[in-house]
């Protein structure tokens, strides 16, 4: 089963390019779910979610819809202090999605500074312990993780590997397709090399429009993931002014 959607849906600059100007913001998710069967929740990176909020969101989408939930930044980026209670709160908040069968997996995105060290490998083990048996995938930003022993570790921990399409820059992950758990996962960040490291606003990094030829490169890779994983999630993260919607639509058409 392949789910295709975008990395987030609540962007003000999508009004016009995607959302009708007269559509109430409270209706954006329902509108989005008429076309796509999955989305990533990115707000959970900035603040710990609560069950009430996720229950409300689950009520706005039809049966069969799946949410991928990004891990809170205290679990991935701001780890100066060990706070196991943040994992407890995060996992508890997912309960309504799980009960309604609308939970896909947790996306554990680490920064480029999270390098392939023994200490960080131990942290991956700790993350798995604290998430219990929840489906989860890991997105590395540092190319040092792309090695066989990383994939072996992820398989032992039953953690998926997040495949990415992004600028072909030194130090970043190449466009490989690897499945290390029952969940296959792909994110399309765009190929805006000029703005990847040097930008004033975060959205500039993801300001990119894919061509059909560029996306076609991934068709055999996604089909491979689908052949070895139980479920595959594919997300377009080039979200500036709704470009992700076009990317997701093209991918869906290519795969069909």
Protein backbone atom coordinates (compact mmCIF):
# COMPACT_ATOMS: atom_id res chain seq x y z
CA UNK A 1 0.00 0.00 0.00
CA UNK A 2 1.43 3.39 -1.02
CA UNK A 3 0.19 6.58 0.62
CA UNK A 4 1.04 9.87 -1.10
CA UNK A 5 0.62 13.33 0.40
CA UNK A 6 2.42 16.47 1.51
CA UNK A 7 4.56 17.41 4.48
CA UNK A 8 1.98 19.46 6.31
CA UNK A 9 -1.19 21.05 4.97
CA UNK A 10 -1.64 24.25 7.01
CA UNK A 11 0.24 26.94 5.11
CA UNK A 12 -1.12 30.44 4.60
CA UNK A 13 0.65 30.73 1.25
CA UNK A 14 -1.42 27.81 -0.06
CA UNK A 15 -4.47 30.09 -0.17
CA UNK A 16 -4.94 30.78 -3.84
CA UNK A 17 -2.56 28.17 -5.25
CA UNK A 18 -4.52 25.38 -3.50
CA UNK A 19 -7.12 26.48 -0.95
CA UNK A 20 -10.00 28.68 -2.12
CA UNK A 21 -9.77 32.20 -0.72
CA UNK A 22 -13.16 31.93 0.98
CA UNK A 23 -12.44 28.59 2.69
CA UNK A 24 -12.29 28.82 6.48
CA UNK A 25 -8.94 27.70 7.88
CA UNK A 26 -10.75 25.16 10.07
CA UNK A 27 -11.84 23.42 6.88
CA UNK A 28 -8.41 23.14 5.28
CA UNK A 29 -7.73 19.60 6.51
CA UNK A 30 -11.10 18.29 5.37
CA UNK A 31 -10.57 19.92 1.97
CA UNK A 32 -7.09 18.41 1.71
CA UNK A 33 -8.34 14.94 2.72
CA UNK A 34 -10.76 14.89 -0.23
CA UNK A 35 -7.74 14.53 -2.52
CA UNK A 36 -4.96 12.97 -0.46
CA UNK A 37 -4.96 10.02 1.93
CA UNK A 38 -2.09 11.07 4.18
CA UNK A 39 -0.14 14.03 5.55
CA UNK A 40 2.73 14.70 7.89
CA UNK A 41 2.00 16.67 11.03
CA UNK A 42 4.84 19.13 11.47
CA UNK A 43 3.49 21.24 14.33
CA UNK A 44 4.32 18.38 16.69
CA UNK A 45 7.99 19.21 16.18
CA UNK A 46 7.51 22.68 17.66
CA UNK A 47 5.24 21.76 20.55
CA UNK A 48 4.22 18.53 22.22
CA UNK A 49 0.80 17.46 20.95
CA UNK A 50 -2.16 16.62 23.14
CA UNK A 51 -4.79 13.92 22.60
CA UNK A 52 -7.63 16.43 22.23
CA UNK A 53 -6.00 18.21 19.29
CA UNK A 54 -5.18 15.00 17.44
CA UNK A 55 -8.66 13.62 18.08
CA UNK A 56 -10.17 16.74 16.49
CA UNK A 57 -7.93 16.30 13.47
CA UNK A 58 -8.80 12.62 13.14
CA UNK A 59 -12.48 13.53 13.07
CA UNK A 60 -11.92 15.75 10.01
CA UNK A 61 -10.57 13.03 7.73
CA UNK A 62 -12.26 9.93 6.28
CA UNK A 63 -11.55 6.29 7.18
CA UNK A 64 -8.32 5.09 5.61
CA UNK A 65 -6.52 8.40 6.05
CA UNK A 66 -3.12 8.20 7.79
CA UNK A 67 -1.12 10.76 9.76
CA UNK A 68 2.66 10.62 10.06
CA UNK A 69 3.61 12.55 13.19
CA UNK A 70 6.97 14.30 13.45
CA UNK A 71 8.78 13.78 16.74
CA UNK A 72 9.00 16.74 19.11
CA UNK A 73 12.27 18.68 18.89
CA UNK A 74 13.11 17.87 22.50
CA UNK A 75 13.37 14.25 21.36
CA UNK A 76 15.67 14.96 18.41
CA UNK A 77 17.28 18.40 18.38
CA UNK A 78 17.28 19.83 21.91
CA UNK A 79 18.69 16.98 23.96
CA UNK A 80 20.92 18.77 26.44
CA UNK A 81 18.80 17.28 29.23
CA UNK A 82 17.27 13.83 29.31
CA UNK A 83 13.49 14.25 29.54
CA UNK A 84 11.78 10.86 29.30
CA UNK A 85 8.49 12.53 30.26
CA UNK A 86 8.41 14.18 26.84
CA UNK A 87 8.29 10.75 25.21
CA UNK A 88 5.49 9.72 27.57
CA UNK A 89 3.42 12.79 26.68
CA UNK A 90 4.12 12.41 22.97
CA UNK A 91 3.12 8.75 22.86
CA UNK A 92 -0.01 9.37 24.94
CA UNK A 93 -1.14 12.09 22.51
CA UNK A 94 -1.16 9.59 19.64
CA UNK A 95 -3.86 7.48 21.28
CA UNK A 96 -6.84 8.99 19.38
CA UNK A 97 -5.15 8.45 16.02
CA UNK A 98 -4.35 4.85 16.90
CA UNK A 99 -7.88 4.18 18.18
CA UNK A 100 -9.41 5.54 14.97
CA UNK A 101 -6.89 3.61 12.82
CA UNK A 102 -5.54 6.85 11.38
CA UNK A 103 -1.99 6.67 12.69
CA UNK A 104 0.77 5.91 10.20
CA UNK A 105 4.07 6.28 12.01
CA UNK A 106 6.39 8.61 13.90
CA UNK A 107 8.94 10.55 11.86
CA UNK A 108 12.13 10.97 13.90
CA UNK A 109 14.09 13.66 12.07
CA UNK A 110 17.58 14.39 13.36
CA UNK A 111 19.71 17.43 12.47
CA UNK A 112 22.87 17.31 10.36
CA UNK A 113 24.87 17.60 13.59
CA UNK A 114 23.54 14.18 14.70
CA UNK A 115 26.48 12.13 13.45
CA UNK A 116 27.11 8.39 13.31
CA UNK A 117 28.74 7.95 16.73
CA UNK A 118 28.41 5.17 19.29
CA UNK A 119 26.67 7.61 21.64
CA UNK A 120 24.06 8.45 19.02
CA UNK A 121 23.56 4.79 18.14
CA UNK A 122 22.81 4.19 21.81
CA UNK A 123 20.33 7.04 21.67
CA UNK A 124 18.51 5.35 18.79
CA UNK A 125 18.13 2.30 21.01
CA UNK A 126 16.74 4.52 23.76
CA UNK A 127 14.29 6.11 21.35
CA UNK A 128 12.98 2.70 20.34
CA UNK A 129 12.55 1.67 23.97
CA UNK A 130 10.62 4.84 24.78
CA UNK A 131 8.37 4.61 21.73
CA UNK A 132 7.48 1.00 22.52
CA UNK A 133 6.25 -0.88 19.48
CA UNK A 134 4.99 2.18 17.59
CA UNK A 135 5.89 2.24 13.89
CA UNK A 136 8.66 4.80 13.44
CA UNK A 137 11.14 5.94 10.81
CA UNK A 138 14.41 7.82 11.20
CA UNK A 139 15.50 10.66 8.93
CA UNK A 140 19.21 11.30 9.05
CA UNK A 141 20.60 14.48 7.53
CA UNK A 142 24.28 13.53 7.78
CA UNK A 143 25.64 11.25 5.06
CA UNK A 144 27.88 9.51 7.58
CA UNK A 145 24.92 7.32 8.51
CA UNK A 146 24.63 5.82 5.02
CA UNK A 147 26.38 2.52 5.64
CA UNK A 148 25.43 -1.10 6.03
CA UNK A 149 25.84 -1.20 9.81
CA UNK A 150 23.32 1.64 10.12
CA UNK A 151 20.76 -0.31 8.13
CA UNK A 152 21.49 -3.42 10.19
CA UNK A 153 20.96 -1.45 13.40
CA UNK A 154 17.67 -0.01 12.16
CA UNK A 155 16.47 -3.49 11.24
CA UNK A 156 17.34 -4.82 14.69
CA UNK A 157 15.45 -1.93 16.27
CA UNK A 158 12.54 -2.21 13.82
CA UNK A 159 13.01 1.43 12.79
CA UNK A 160 12.38 2.49 9.22
CA UNK A 161 14.87 4.44 7.13
CA UNK A 162 13.65 7.72 5.64
CA UNK A 163 14.71 8.00 2.00
CA UNK A 164 15.10 11.55 0.71
CA UNK A 165 15.33 13.54 -2.49
CA UNK A 166 17.23 16.76 -1.88
CA UNK A 167 20.10 18.79 -3.36
CA UNK A 168 23.13 16.75 -4.35
CA UNK A 169 25.42 18.52 -1.91
CA UNK A 170 28.44 17.20 -0.04
CA UNK A 171 27.49 15.82 3.35
CA UNK A 172 23.81 15.23 2.51
CA UNK A 173 22.18 11.87 1.91
CA UNK A 174 22.07 10.57 -1.68
CA UNK A 175 18.77 9.47 -3.28
CA UNK A 176 18.85 5.84 -2.19
CA UNK A 177 15.85 3.58 -1.57
CA UNK A 178 16.24 1.42 1.51
CA UNK A 179 13.61 -0.27 3.68
CA UNK A 180 14.63 -1.43 7.15
CA UNK A 181 11.21 -2.08 8.71
CA UNK A 182 7.61 -2.67 7.75
CA UNK A 183 7.25 1.02 6.88
CA UNK A 184 8.94 2.47 3.81
CA UNK A 185 9.24 6.25 3.75
CA UNK A 186 10.26 8.89 1.19
CA UNK A 187 10.43 12.69 1.52
CA UNK A 188 10.89 15.09 -1.40
CA UNK A 189 12.62 18.21 -0.10
CA UNK A 190 13.31 19.79 -3.50
CA UNK A 191 16.69 20.41 -5.08
CA UNK A 192 17.24 24.07 -4.26
CA UNK A 193 21.00 23.80 -3.73
CA UNK A 194 21.56 27.56 -3.69
CA UNK A 195 19.28 28.07 -0.68
CA UNK A 196 19.87 24.84 1.24
CA UNK A 197 22.57 26.18 3.54
CA UNK A 198 22.20 29.91 2.87
CA UNK A 199 18.73 31.31 3.44
CA UNK A 200 17.06 34.01 5.51
CA UNK A 201 13.75 32.17 5.93
CA UNK A 202 13.35 28.41 6.43
CA UNK A 203 10.84 28.10 3.58
CA UNK A 204 13.44 29.24 1.03
CA UNK A 205 15.18 25.88 1.33
CA UNK A 206 12.01 24.15 0.10
CA UNK A 207 11.16 26.56 -2.73
CA UNK A 208 11.49 24.20 -5.67
CA UNK A 209 9.30 22.87 -8.46
CA UNK A 210 10.07 19.33 -9.61
CA UNK A 211 9.94 18.34 -13.25
CA UNK A 212 8.22 15.14 -14.27
CA UNK A 213 11.58 13.74 -15.37
CA UNK A 214 13.08 14.31 -11.91
CA UNK A 215 10.18 12.59 -10.18
CA UNK A 216 10.20 9.72 -12.67
CA UNK A 217 13.65 8.79 -11.33
CA UNK A 218 11.92 7.69 -8.13
CA UNK A 219 9.20 5.53 -9.63
CA UNK A 220 11.24 2.28 -9.68
CA UNK A 221 12.65 3.11 -6.24
CA UNK A 222 9.21 3.59 -4.70
CA UNK A 223 7.96 0.43 -6.37
CA UNK A 224 10.93 -1.42 -4.89
CA UNK A 225 10.06 -0.12 -1.42
CA UNK A 226 6.47 -1.22 -1.96
CA UNK A 227 7.67 -4.73 -2.80
CA UNK A 228 9.65 -5.13 0.44
CA UNK A 229 7.70 -3.02 2.97
CA UNK A 230 4.15 -3.50 4.20
CA UNK A 231 3.29 0.19 3.83
CA UNK A 232 5.02 3.06 2.02
CA UNK A 233 4.52 6.74 2.79
CA UNK A 234 5.61 9.34 0.23
CA UNK A 235 5.58 13.04 1.10
CA UNK A 236 6.34 16.20 -0.85
CA UNK A 237 8.03 18.79 1.35
CA UNK A 238 8.68 21.50 -1.28
CA UNK A 239 5.79 23.32 0.31
CA UNK A 240 6.31 26.98 -0.71
CA UNK A 241 3.15 28.31 -2.37
CA UNK A 242 1.66 24.85 -2.72
CA UNK A 243 4.35 23.36 -4.93
CA UNK A 244 4.18 20.20 -2.81
CA UNK A 245 0.62 19.61 -4.02
CA UNK A 246 1.81 19.54 -7.62
CA UNK A 247 4.66 17.19 -6.67
CA UNK A 248 2.30 14.78 -4.90
CA UNK A 249 -0.12 14.83 -7.82
CA UNK A 250 2.66 14.09 -10.31
CA UNK A 251 3.99 11.24 -8.20
CA UNK A 252 0.54 9.73 -7.88
CA UNK A 253 0.01 9.90 -11.65
CA UNK A 254 3.43 8.40 -12.38
CA UNK A 255 2.88 5.51 -9.99
CA UNK A 256 -0.60 4.81 -11.33
